[in-house]
C-alpha cells in the first residue's frame, strides 16, 4: 500500500512545461540557441507534455536556422549575379577598347 502511494506521488511530481508556451516558442525562434537548450532539456523528461514542448522549441530553432540560411543564400546569389554582370560589362568594354567586337 505504501508502494502505491509512492508510485502515485512520483507520477504527480513531474514538472509541467512552462505555462506561457507561446512566449517560449517565440524566444526559441528569435534566439535559436535558447530553443536548442530548452528542447534538449524538455525532450529528456519522461512526461509526454514536456517532450512535445521540447520538440516544438527545437523545431522553432531549426526553422530559424533554415530561414537564415535561405536568406544568406539569396543575398549571396544576388551579389554573385551583380558581380558576374559587372565583369561582363568590363570585359565588353575591354574588348571594344582593344579593337575587337563586343562579346
PDB file of N, CA and C in Angstrom:
ATOM      1  N   UNK A   1       0.816  -1.181   0.000  1.00  0.00           N
ATOM      2  CA  UNK A   1       0.000   0.000   0.000  1.00  0.00           C
ATOM      3  C   UNK A   1       0.865   1.251   0.000  1.00  0.00           C
ATOM      4  N   UNK A   2       1.923   1.232   0.761  1.00  0.00           N
ATOM      5  CA  UNK A   2       2.822   2.386   0.803  1.00  0.00           C
ATOM      6  C   UNK A   2       3.533   2.546  -0.538  1.00  0.00           C
ATOM      7  N   UNK A   3       3.784   1.423  -1.196  1.00  0.00           N
ATOM      8  CA  UNK A   3       4.431   1.492  -2.501  1.00  0.00           C
ATOM      9  C   UNK A   3       3.516   2.141  -3.532  1.00  0.00           C
ATOM     10  N   UNK A   4       2.200   1.886  -3.420  1.00  0.00           N
ATOM     11  CA  UNK A   4       1.250   2.502  -4.347  1.00  0.00           C
ATOM     12  C   UNK A   4       1.211   4.015  -4.177  1.00  0.00           C
ATOM     13  N   UNK A   5       1.247   4.493  -2.944  1.00  0.00           N
ATOM     14  CA  UNK A   5       1.225   5.941  -2.726  1.00  0.00           C
ATOM     15  C   UNK A   5       2.522   6.579  -3.190  1.00  0.00           C
ATOM     16  N   UNK A   6       3.643   5.866  -3.058  1.00  0.00           N
ATOM     17  CA  UNK A   6       4.909   6.397  -3.570  1.00  0.00           C
ATOM     18  C   UNK A   6       4.880   6.478  -5.086  1.00  0.00           C
ATOM     19  N   UNK A   7       4.330   5.460  -5.734  1.00  0.00           N
ATOM     20  CA  UNK A   7       4.244   5.461  -7.192  1.00  0.00           C
ATOM     21  C   UNK A   7       3.317   6.565  -7.657  1.00  0.00           C
ATOM     22  N   UNK A   8       2.203   6.764  -6.957  1.00  0.00           N
ATOM     23  CA  UNK A   8       1.276   7.833  -7.314  1.00  0.00           C
ATOM     24  C   UNK A   8       1.888   9.198  -7.091  1.00  0.00           C
ATOM     25  N   UNK A   9       2.654   9.345  -6.014  1.00  0.00           N
ATOM     26  CA  UNK A   9       3.307  10.624  -5.736  1.00  0.00           C
ATOM     27  C   UNK A   9       4.392  10.909  -6.756  1.00  0.00           C
ATOM     28  N   UNK A  10       5.076   9.861  -7.203  1.00  0.00           N
ATOM     29  CA  UNK A  10       6.134  10.051  -8.198  1.00  0.00           C
ATOM     30  C   UNK A  10       5.548  10.511  -9.528  1.00  0.00           C
ATOM     31  N   UNK A  11       4.350  10.036  -9.854  1.00  0.00           N
ATOM     32  CA  UNK A  11       3.724  10.438 -11.108  1.00  0.00           C
ATOM     33  C   UNK A  11       3.223  11.877 -11.061  1.00  0.00           C
ATOM     34  N   UNK A  12       2.779  12.330  -9.918  1.00  0.00           N
ATOM     35  CA  UNK A  12       2.233  13.676  -9.820  1.00  0.00           C
ATOM     36  C   UNK A  12       3.304  14.735  -9.625  1.00  0.00           C
ATOM     37  N   UNK A  13       4.526  14.366  -9.299  1.00  0.00           N
ATOM     38  CA  UNK A  13       5.576  15.358  -9.079  1.00  0.00           C
ATOM     39  C   UNK A  13       6.307  15.720 -10.365  1.00  0.00           C
ATOM     40  N   UNK A  14       5.880  15.195 -11.499  1.00  0.00           N
ATOM     41  CA  UNK A  14       6.543  15.579 -12.744  1.00  0.00           C
ATOM     42  C   UNK A  14       6.262  17.041 -13.032  1.00  0.00           C
ATOM     43  N   UNK A  15       7.265  17.718 -13.460  1.00  0.00           N
ATOM     44  CA  UNK A  15       7.158  19.152 -13.719  1.00  0.00           C
ATOM     45  C   UNK A  15       6.507  19.380 -15.079  1.00  0.00           C
ATOM     46  N   UNK A  16       5.550  20.267 -15.107  1.00  0.00           N
ATOM     47  CA  UNK A  16       4.862  20.600 -16.355  1.00  0.00           C
ATOM     48  C   UNK A  16       5.697  21.614 -17.130  1.00  0.00           C
ATOM     49  N   UNK A  17       5.500  21.692 -18.435  1.00  0.00           N
ATOM     50  CA  UNK A  17       6.227  22.708 -19.207  1.00  0.00           C
ATOM     51  C   UNK A  17       5.814  24.111 -18.771  1.00  0.00           C
ATOM     52  N   UNK A  18       6.637  25.098 -19.032  1.00  0.00           N
ATOM     53  CA  UNK A  18       6.291  26.468 -18.629  1.00  0.00           C
ATOM     54  C   UNK A  18       4.948  26.887 -19.212  1.00  0.00           C
ATOM     55  N   UNK A  19       4.199  27.660 -18.438  1.00  0.00           N
ATOM     56  CA  UNK A  19       2.827  27.960 -18.845  1.00  0.00           C
ATOM     57  C   UNK A  19       2.713  28.906 -20.033  1.00  0.00           C
ATOM     58  N   UNK A  20       3.421  30.020 -20.120  1.00  0.00           N
ATOM     59  CA  UNK A  20       3.259  30.829 -21.353  1.00  0.00           C
ATOM     60  C   UNK A  20       4.047  30.184 -22.494  1.00  0.00           C
ATOM     61  N   UNK A  21       3.527  29.087 -23.016  1.00  0.00           N
ATOM     62  CA  UNK A  21       4.254  28.309 -24.021  1.00  0.00           C
ATOM     63  C   UNK A  21       4.569  29.130 -25.267  1.00  0.00           C
ATOM     64  N   UNK A  22       3.640  29.973 -25.681  1.00  0.00           N
ATOM     65  CA  UNK A  22       3.847  30.765 -26.892  1.00  0.00           C
ATOM     66  C   UNK A  22       5.050  31.683 -26.717  1.00  0.00           C
ATOM     67  N   UNK A  23       5.217  32.231 -25.525  1.00  0.00           N
ATOM     68  CA  UNK A  23       6.364  33.094 -25.248  1.00  0.00           C
ATOM     69  C   UNK A  23       7.675  32.327 -25.423  1.00  0.00           C
ATOM     70  N   UNK A  24       7.722  31.111 -24.933  1.00  0.00           N
ATOM     71  CA  UNK A  24       8.931  30.304 -25.068  1.00  0.00           C
ATOM     72  C   UNK A  24       9.155  29.854 -26.511  1.00  0.00           C
ATOM     73  N   UNK A  25       8.087  29.645 -27.266  1.00  0.00           N
ATOM     74  CA  UNK A  25       8.246  29.327 -28.679  1.00  0.00           C
ATOM     75  C   UNK A  25       8.827  30.519 -29.436  1.00  0.00           C
ATOM     76  N   UNK A  26       8.350  31.717 -29.107  1.00  0.00           N
ATOM     77  CA  UNK A  26       8.874  32.924 -29.755  1.00  0.00           C
ATOM     78  C   UNK A  26      10.340  33.131 -29.378  1.00  0.00           C
ATOM     79  N   UNK A  27      10.670  32.935 -28.113  1.00  0.00           N
ATOM     80  CA  UNK A  27      12.067  33.057 -27.677  1.00  0.00           C
ATOM     81  C   UNK A  27      12.923  32.015 -28.385  1.00  0.00           C
ATOM     82  N   UNK A  28      12.409  30.808 -28.544  1.00  0.00           N
ATOM     83  CA  UNK A  28      13.152  29.757 -29.237  1.00  0.00           C
ATOM     84  C   UNK A  28      13.390  30.108 -30.696  1.00  0.00           C
ATOM     85  N   UNK A  29      12.439  30.822 -31.301  1.00  0.00           N
ATOM     86  CA  UNK A  29      12.604  31.216 -32.700  1.00  0.00           C
ATOM     87  C   UNK A  29      13.586  32.374 -32.825  1.00  0.00           C
ATOM     88  N   UNK A  30      13.482  33.362 -31.937  1.00  0.00           N
ATOM     89  CA  UNK A  30      14.344  34.538 -32.025  1.00  0.00           C
ATOM     90  C   UNK A  30      15.771  34.219 -31.605  1.00  0.00           C
ATOM     91  N   UNK A  31      15.935  33.435 -30.545  1.00  0.00           N
ATOM     92  CA  UNK A  31      17.260  33.043 -30.048  1.00  0.00           C
ATOM     93  C   UNK A  31      17.363  31.525 -30.187  1.00  0.00           C
ATOM     94  N   UNK A  32      17.856  31.032 -31.321  1.00  0.00           N
ATOM     95  CA  UNK A  32      17.820  29.583 -31.555  1.00  0.00           C
ATOM     96  C   UNK A  32      18.658  28.764 -30.570  1.00  0.00           C
ATOM     97  N   UNK A  33      19.699  29.349 -30.004  1.00  0.00           N
ATOM     98  CA  UNK A  33      20.488  28.603 -29.012  1.00  0.00           C
ATOM     99  C   UNK A  33      19.627  28.302 -27.787  1.00  0.00           C
ATOM    100  N   UNK A  34      18.801  29.265 -27.388  1.00  0.00           N
ATOM    101  CA  UNK A  34      17.884  29.039 -26.269  1.00  0.00           C
ATOM    102  C   UNK A  34      16.871  27.952 -26.623  1.00  0.00           C
ATOM    103  N   UNK A  35      16.408  27.934 -27.865  1.00  0.00           N
ATOM    104  CA  UNK A  35      15.474  26.897 -28.298  1.00  0.00           C
ATOM    105  C   UNK A  35      16.098  25.519 -28.290  1.00  0.00           C
ATOM    106  N   UNK A  36      17.358  25.441 -28.684  1.00  0.00           N
ATOM    107  CA  UNK A  36      18.053  24.146 -28.663  1.00  0.00           C
ATOM    108  C   UNK A  36      18.236  23.669 -27.231  1.00  0.00           C
ATOM    109  N   UNK A  37      18.601  24.587 -26.330  1.00  0.00           N
ATOM    110  CA  UNK A  37      18.794  24.202 -24.923  1.00  0.00           C
ATOM    111  C   UNK A  37      17.466  23.788 -24.300  1.00  0.00           C
ATOM    112  N   UNK A  38      16.408  24.590 -24.515  1.00  0.00           N
ATOM    113  CA  UNK A  38      15.089  24.221 -23.985  1.00  0.00           C
ATOM    114  C   UNK A  38      14.611  22.889 -24.565  1.00  0.00           C
ATOM    115  N   UNK A  39      14.801  22.722 -25.869  1.00  0.00           N
ATOM    116  CA  UNK A  39      14.383  21.476 -26.500  1.00  0.00           C
ATOM    117  C   UNK A  39      15.104  20.272 -25.931  1.00  0.00           C
ATOM    118  N   UNK A  40      16.410  20.401 -25.729  1.00  0.00           N
ATOM    119  CA  UNK A  40      17.175  19.276 -25.175  1.00  0.00           C
ATOM    120  C   UNK A  40      16.756  18.975 -23.736  1.00  0.00           C
ATOM    121  N   UNK A  41      16.517  20.021 -22.950  1.00  0.00           N
ATOM    122  CA  UNK A  41      16.109  19.799 -21.556  1.00  0.00           C
ATOM    123  C   UNK A  41      14.749  19.127 -21.461  1.00  0.00           C
ATOM    124  N   UNK A  42      13.790  19.611 -22.232  1.00  0.00           N
ATOM    125  CA  UNK A  42      12.438  19.075 -22.115  1.00  0.00           C
ATOM    126  C   UNK A  42      12.236  17.773 -22.885  1.00  0.00           C
ATOM    127  N   UNK A  43      13.066  17.496 -23.877  1.00  0.00           N
ATOM    128  CA  UNK A  43      12.963  16.196 -24.557  1.00  0.00           C
ATOM    129  C   UNK A  43      13.477  15.056 -23.678  1.00  0.00           C
ATOM    130  N   UNK A  44      14.351  15.391 -22.725  1.00  0.00           N
ATOM    131  CA  UNK A  44      14.902  14.349 -21.862  1.00  0.00           C
ATOM    132  C   UNK A  44      13.972  13.977 -20.715  1.00  0.00           C
ATOM    133  N   UNK A  45      12.886  14.720 -20.510  1.00  0.00           N
ATOM    134  CA  UNK A  45      11.950  14.423 -19.419  1.00  0.00           C
ATOM    135  C   UNK A  45      10.972  13.342 -19.866  1.00  0.00           C
ATOM    136  N   UNK A  46      10.511  12.522 -18.926  1.00  0.00           N
ATOM    137  CA  UNK A  46       9.661  11.376 -19.309  1.00  0.00           C
ATOM    138  C   UNK A  46       8.225  11.744 -19.651  1.00  0.00           C
ATOM    139  N   UNK A  47       7.720  12.861 -19.186  1.00  0.00           N
ATOM    140  CA  UNK A  47       6.319  13.225 -19.408  1.00  0.00           C
ATOM    141  C   UNK A  47       6.100  13.592 -20.879  1.00  0.00           C
ATOM    142  N   UNK A  48       4.984  13.177 -21.445  1.00  0.00           N
ATOM    143  CA  UNK A  48       4.692  13.408 -22.862  1.00  0.00           C
ATOM    144  C   UNK A  48       4.481  14.890 -23.163  1.00  0.00           C
ATOM    145  N   UNK A  49       3.865  15.631 -22.253  1.00  0.00           N
ATOM    146  CA  UNK A  49       3.659  17.072 -22.473  1.00  0.00           C
ATOM    147  C   UNK A  49       5.000  17.808 -22.535  1.00  0.00           C
ATOM    148  N   UNK A  50       5.927  17.413 -21.686  1.00  0.00           N
ATOM    149  CA  UNK A  50       7.260  18.019 -21.706  1.00  0.00           C
ATOM    150  C   UNK A  50       7.993  17.693 -22.998  1.00  0.00           C
ATOM    151  N   UNK A  51       7.882  16.468 -23.437  1.00  0.00           N
ATOM    152  CA  UNK A  51       8.565  16.068 -24.671  1.00  0.00           C
ATOM    153  C   UNK A  51       7.998  16.820 -25.876  1.00  0.00           C
ATOM    154  N   UNK A  52       6.694  17.019 -25.906  1.00  0.00           N
ATOM    155  CA  UNK A  52       6.085  17.762 -27.009  1.00  0.00           C
ATOM    156  C   UNK A  52       6.525  19.227 -26.988  1.00  0.00           C
ATOM    157  N   UNK A  53       6.577  19.818 -25.794  1.00  0.00           N
ATOM    158  CA  UNK A  53       7.044  21.197 -25.663  1.00  0.00           C
ATOM    159  C   UNK A  53       8.487  21.320 -26.142  1.00  0.00           C
ATOM    160  N   UNK A  54       9.345  20.383 -25.754  1.00  0.00           N
ATOM    161  CA  UNK A  54      10.737  20.392 -26.190  1.00  0.00           C
ATOM    162  C   UNK A  54      10.872  20.213 -27.692  1.00  0.00           C
ATOM    163  N   UNK A  55      10.016  19.378 -28.266  1.00  0.00           N
ATOM    164  CA  UNK A  55      10.048  19.152 -29.710  1.00  0.00           C
ATOM    165  C   UNK A  55       9.716  20.434 -30.471  1.00  0.00           C
ATOM    166  N   UNK A  56       8.713  21.174 -29.993  1.00  0.00           N
ATOM    167  CA  UNK A  56       8.323  22.406 -30.675  1.00  0.00           C
ATOM    168  C   UNK A  56       9.358  23.517 -30.481  1.00  0.00           C
ATOM    169  N   UNK A  57      10.000  23.561 -29.324  1.00  0.00           N
ATOM    170  CA  UNK A  57      11.080  24.541 -29.124  1.00  0.00           C
ATOM    171  C   UNK A  57      12.237  24.242 -30.077  1.00  0.00           C
ATOM    172  N   UNK A  58      12.583  22.988 -30.193  1.00  0.00           N
ATOM    173  CA  UNK A  58      13.655  22.592 -31.103  1.00  0.00           C
ATOM    174  C   UNK A  58      13.261  22.867 -32.551  1.00  0.00           C
ATOM    175  N   UNK A  59      12.020  22.633 -32.898  1.00  0.00           N
ATOM    176  CA  UNK A  59      11.532  22.897 -34.248  1.00  0.00           C
ATOM    177  C   UNK A  59      11.594  24.390 -34.574  1.00  0.00           C
ATOM    178  N   UNK A  60      11.252  25.241 -33.617  1.00  0.00           N
ATOM    179  CA  UNK A  60      11.325  26.694 -33.839  1.00  0.00           C
ATOM    180  C   UNK A  60      12.760  27.129 -34.088  1.00  0.00           C
ATOM    181  N   UNK A  61      13.709  26.555 -33.354  1.00  0.00           N
ATOM    182  CA  UNK A  61      15.120  26.891 -33.554  1.00  0.00           C
ATOM    183  C   UNK A  61      15.605  26.435 -34.927  1.00  0.00           C
ATOM    184  N   UNK A  62      15.198  25.247 -35.357  1.00  0.00           N
ATOM    185  CA  UNK A  62      15.615  24.726 -36.656  1.00  0.00           C
ATOM    186  C   UNK A  62      15.009  25.561 -37.790  1.00  0.00           C
ATOM    187  N   UNK A  63      13.764  25.997 -37.634  1.00  0.00           N
ATOM    188  CA  UNK A  63      13.135  26.844 -38.651  1.00  0.00           C
ATOM    189  C   UNK A  63      13.880  28.162 -38.773  1.00  0.00           C
ATOM    190  N   UNK A  64      14.319  28.724 -37.637  1.00  0.00           N
ATOM    191  CA  UNK A  64      15.096  29.964 -37.676  1.00  0.00           C
ATOM    192  C   UNK A  64      16.395  29.754 -38.444  1.00  0.00           C
ATOM    193  N   UNK A  65      17.102  28.661 -38.164  1.00  0.00           N
ATOM    194  CA  UNK A  65      18.341  28.383 -38.888  1.00  0.00           C
ATOM    195  C   UNK A  65      18.080  28.222 -40.383  1.00  0.00           C
ATOM    196  N   UNK A  66      17.014  27.521 -40.742  1.00  0.00           N
ATOM    197  CA  UNK A  66      16.710  27.299 -42.161  1.00  0.00           C
ATOM    198  C   UNK A  66      16.372  28.601 -42.873  1.00  0.00           C
ATOM    199  N   UNK A  67      15.566  29.450 -42.241  1.00  0.00           N
ATOM    200  CA  UNK A  67      15.231  30.736 -42.853  1.00  0.00           C
ATOM    201  C   UNK A  67      16.453  31.635 -42.966  1.00  0.00           C
ATOM    202  N   UNK A  68      17.303  31.629 -41.970  1.00  0.00           N
ATOM    203  CA  UNK A  68      18.527  32.426 -42.018  1.00  0.00           C
ATOM    204  C   UNK A  68      19.459  31.957 -43.118  1.00  0.00           C
ATOM    205  N   UNK A  69      19.592  30.638 -43.251  1.00  0.00           N
ATOM    206  CA  UNK A  69      20.451  30.093 -44.299  1.00  0.00           C
ATOM    207  C   UNK A  69      19.900  30.433 -45.679  1.00  0.00           C
ATOM    208  N   UNK A  70      18.583  30.356 -45.830  1.00  0.00           N
ATOM    209  CA  UNK A  70      17.959  30.712 -47.112  1.00  0.00           C
ATOM    210  C   UNK A  70      18.184  32.181 -47.443  1.00  0.00           C
ATOM    211  N   UNK A  71      18.073  33.044 -46.452  1.00  0.00           N
ATOM    212  CA  UNK A  71      18.295  34.476 -46.689  1.00  0.00           C
ATOM    213  C   UNK A  71      19.736  34.745 -47.093  1.00  0.00           C
ATOM    214  N   UNK A  72      20.685  34.095 -46.448  1.00  0.00           N
ATOM    215  CA  UNK A  72      22.097  34.278 -46.800  1.00  0.00           C
ATOM    216  C   UNK A  72      22.355  33.782 -48.218  1.00  0.00           C
ATOM    217  N   UNK A  73      21.755  32.670 -48.596  1.00  0.00           N
ATOM    218  CA  UNK A  73      21.934  32.159 -49.958  1.00  0.00           C
ATOM    219  C   UNK A  73      21.348  33.116 -50.991  1.00  0.00           C
ATOM    220  N   UNK A  74      20.197  33.706 -50.696  1.00  0.00           N
ATOM    221  CA  UNK A  74      19.587  34.660 -51.631  1.00  0.00           C
ATOM    222  C   UNK A  74      20.453  35.907 -51.785  1.00  0.00           C
ATOM    223  N   UNK A  75      20.976  36.412 -50.685  1.00  0.00           N
ATOM    224  CA  UNK A  75      21.847  37.591 -50.755  1.00  0.00           C
ATOM    225  C   UNK A  75      23.115  37.258 -51.527  1.00  0.00           C
ATOM    226  N   UNK A  76      23.686  36.097 -51.269  1.00  0.00           N
ATOM    227  CA  UNK A  76      24.894  35.681 -51.982  1.00  0.00           C
ATOM    228  C   UNK A  76      24.612  35.547 -53.479  1.00  0.00           C
ATOM    229  N   UNK A  77      23.469  34.972 -53.835  1.00  0.00           N
ATOM    230  CA  UNK A  77      23.132  34.809 -55.255  1.00  0.00           C
ATOM    231  C   UNK A  77      22.930  36.167 -55.919  1.00  0.00           C
ATOM    232  N   UNK A  78      22.299  37.101 -55.217  1.00  0.00           N
ATOM    233  CA  UNK A  78      22.091  38.435 -55.774  1.00  0.00           C
ATOM    234  C   UNK A  78      23.429  39.111 -56.052  1.00  0.00           C
ATOM    235  N   UNK A  79      24.323  39.084 -55.076  1.00  0.00           N
ATOM    236  CA  UNK A  79      25.611  39.730 -55.283  1.00  0.00           C
ATOM    237  C   UNK A  79      26.468  38.995 -56.311  1.00  0.00           C
ATOM    238  N   UNK A  80      26.327  37.683 -56.395  1.00  0.00           N
ATOM    239  CA  UNK A  80      27.065  36.937 -57.412  1.00  0.00           C
ATOM    240  C   UNK A  80      26.579  37.325 -58.807  1.00  0.00           C
ATOM    241  N   UNK A  81      25.261  37.463 -58.990  1.00  0.00           N
ATOM    242  CA  UNK A  81      24.735  37.879 -60.296  1.00  0.00           C
ATOM    243  C   UNK A  81      25.189  39.298 -60.630  1.00  0.00           C
ATOM    244  N   UNK A  82      25.187  40.168 -59.643  1.00  0.00           N
ATOM    245  CA  UNK A  82      25.640  41.535 -59.866  1.00  0.00           C
ATOM    246  C   UNK A  82      27.109  41.558 -60.271  1.00  0.00           C
ATOM    247  N   UNK A  83      27.930  40.775 -59.578  1.00  0.00           N
ATOM    248  CA  UNK A  83      29.364  40.742 -59.861  1.00  0.00           C
ATOM    249  C   UNK A  83      29.641  40.163 -61.239  1.00  0.00           C
ATOM    250  N   UNK A  84      28.944  39.098 -61.612  1.00  0.00           N
ATOM    251  CA  UNK A  84      29.144  38.491 -62.928  1.00  0.00           C
ATOM    252  C   UNK A  84      28.691  39.452 -64.021  1.00  0.00           C
ATOM    253  N   UNK A  85      27.590  40.144 -63.811  1.00  0.00           N
ATOM    254  CA  UNK A  85      27.133  41.128 -64.785  1.00  0.00           C
ATOM    255  C   UNK A  85      28.117  42.280 -64.928  1.00  0.00           C
ATOM    256  N   UNK A  86      28.684  42.706 -63.828  1.00  0.00           N
ATOM    257  CA  UNK A  86      29.669  43.784 -63.856  1.00  0.00           C
ATOM    258  C   UNK A  86      30.929  43.343 -64.593  1.00  0.00           C
ATOM    259  N   UNK A  87      31.355  42.095 -64.354  1.00  0.00           N
ATOM    260  CA  UNK A  87      32.533  41.596 -65.070  1.00  0.00           C
ATOM    261  C   UNK A  87      32.262  41.510 -66.569  1.00  0.00           C
ATOM    262  N   UNK A  88      31.068  41.080 -66.938  1.00  0.00           N
ATOM    263  CA  UNK A  88      30.718  41.017 -68.355  1.00  0.00           C
ATOM    264  C   UNK A  88      30.756  42.390 -68.994  1.00  0.00           C
ATOM    265  N   UNK A  89      30.268  43.388 -68.288  1.00  0.00           N
ATOM    266  CA  UNK A  89      30.320  44.759 -68.788  1.00  0.00           C
ATOM    267  C   UNK A  89      31.771  45.225 -68.939  1.00  0.00           C
ATOM    268  N   UNK A  90      32.606  44.925 -67.956  1.00  0.00           N
ATOM    269  CA  UNK A  90      34.022  45.325 -68.045  1.00  0.00           C
ATOM    270  C   UNK A  90      34.724  44.620 -69.194  1.00  0.00           C
ATOM    271  N   UNK A  91      34.455  43.342 -69.366  1.00  0.00           N
ATOM    272  CA  UNK A  91      35.100  42.610 -70.461  1.00  0.00           C
ATOM    273  C   UNK A  91      34.628  43.126 -71.816  1.00  0.00           C
ATOM    274  N   UNK A  92      33.341  43.508 -71.907  1.00  0.00           N
ATOM    275  CA  UNK A  92      32.879  44.051 -73.184  1.00  0.00           C
ATOM    276  C   UNK A  92      33.548  45.401 -73.466  1.00  0.00           C
ATOM    277  N   UNK A  93      33.758  46.209 -72.433  1.00  0.00           N
ATOM    278  CA  UNK A  93      34.488  47.466 -72.615  1.00  0.00           C
ATOM    279  C   UNK A  93      35.941  47.192 -73.010  1.00  0.00           C
ATOM    280  N   UNK A  94      36.515  46.211 -72.407  1.00  0.00           N
ATOM    281  CA  UNK A  94      37.908  45.861 -72.719  1.00  0.00           C
ATOM    282  C   UNK A  94      38.002  45.394 -74.169  1.00  0.00           C
ATOM    283  N   UNK A  95      37.021  44.621 -74.619  1.00  0.00           N
ATOM    284  CA  UNK A  95      37.016  44.151 -76.000  1.00  0.00           C
ATOM    285  C   UNK A  95      36.878  45.302 -76.984  1.00  0.00           C
ATOM    286  N   UNK A  96      36.051  46.272 -76.644  1.00  0.00           N
ATOM    287  CA  UNK A  96      35.883  47.440 -77.510  1.00  0.00           C
ATOM    288  C   UNK A  96      37.153  48.271 -77.512  1.00  0.00           C
ATOM    289  N   UNK A  97      37.784  48.424 -76.353  1.00  0.00           N
ATOM    290  CA  UNK A  97      38.979  49.254 -76.244  1.00  0.00           C
ATOM    291  C   UNK A  97      40.150  48.626 -76.982  1.00  0.00           C
ATOM    292  N   UNK A  98      40.230  47.292 -77.004  1.00  0.00           N
ATOM    293  CA  UNK A  98      41.332  46.607 -77.680  1.00  0.00           C
ATOM    294  C   UNK A  98      41.128  46.658 -79.180  1.00  0.00           C
ATOM    295  N   UNK A  99      39.916  46.803 -79.636  1.00  0.00           N
ATOM    296  CA  UNK A  99      39.657  46.857 -81.047  1.00  0.00           C
ATOM    297  C   UNK A  99      38.831  45.714 -81.558  1.00  0.00           C
ATOM    298  N   UNK A 100      38.519  44.786 -80.693  1.00  0.00           N
ATOM    299  CA  UNK A 100      37.678  43.660 -81.087  1.00  0.00           C
ATOM    300  C   UNK A 100      36.222  44.038 -80.972  1.00  0.00           C
ATOM    301  N   UNK A 101      35.374  43.149 -81.365  1.00  0.00           N
ATOM    302  CA  UNK A 101      33.935  43.392 -81.277  1.00  0.00           C
ATOM    303  C   UNK A 101      33.437  43.094 -79.859  1.00  0.00           C
ATOM    304  N   UNK A 102      32.259  43.499 -79.604  1.00  0.00           N
ATOM    305  CA  UNK A 102      31.657  43.213 -78.306  1.00  0.00           C
ATOM    306  C   UNK A 102      31.317  41.724 -78.207  1.00  0.00           C
ATOM    307  N   UNK A 103      31.296  41.196 -77.055  1.00  0.00           N
ATOM    308  CA  UNK A 103      31.024  39.762 -76.858  1.00  0.00           C
ATOM    309  C   UNK A 103      29.604  39.452 -77.184  1.00  0.00           C
TER     310      UNK A 103
END
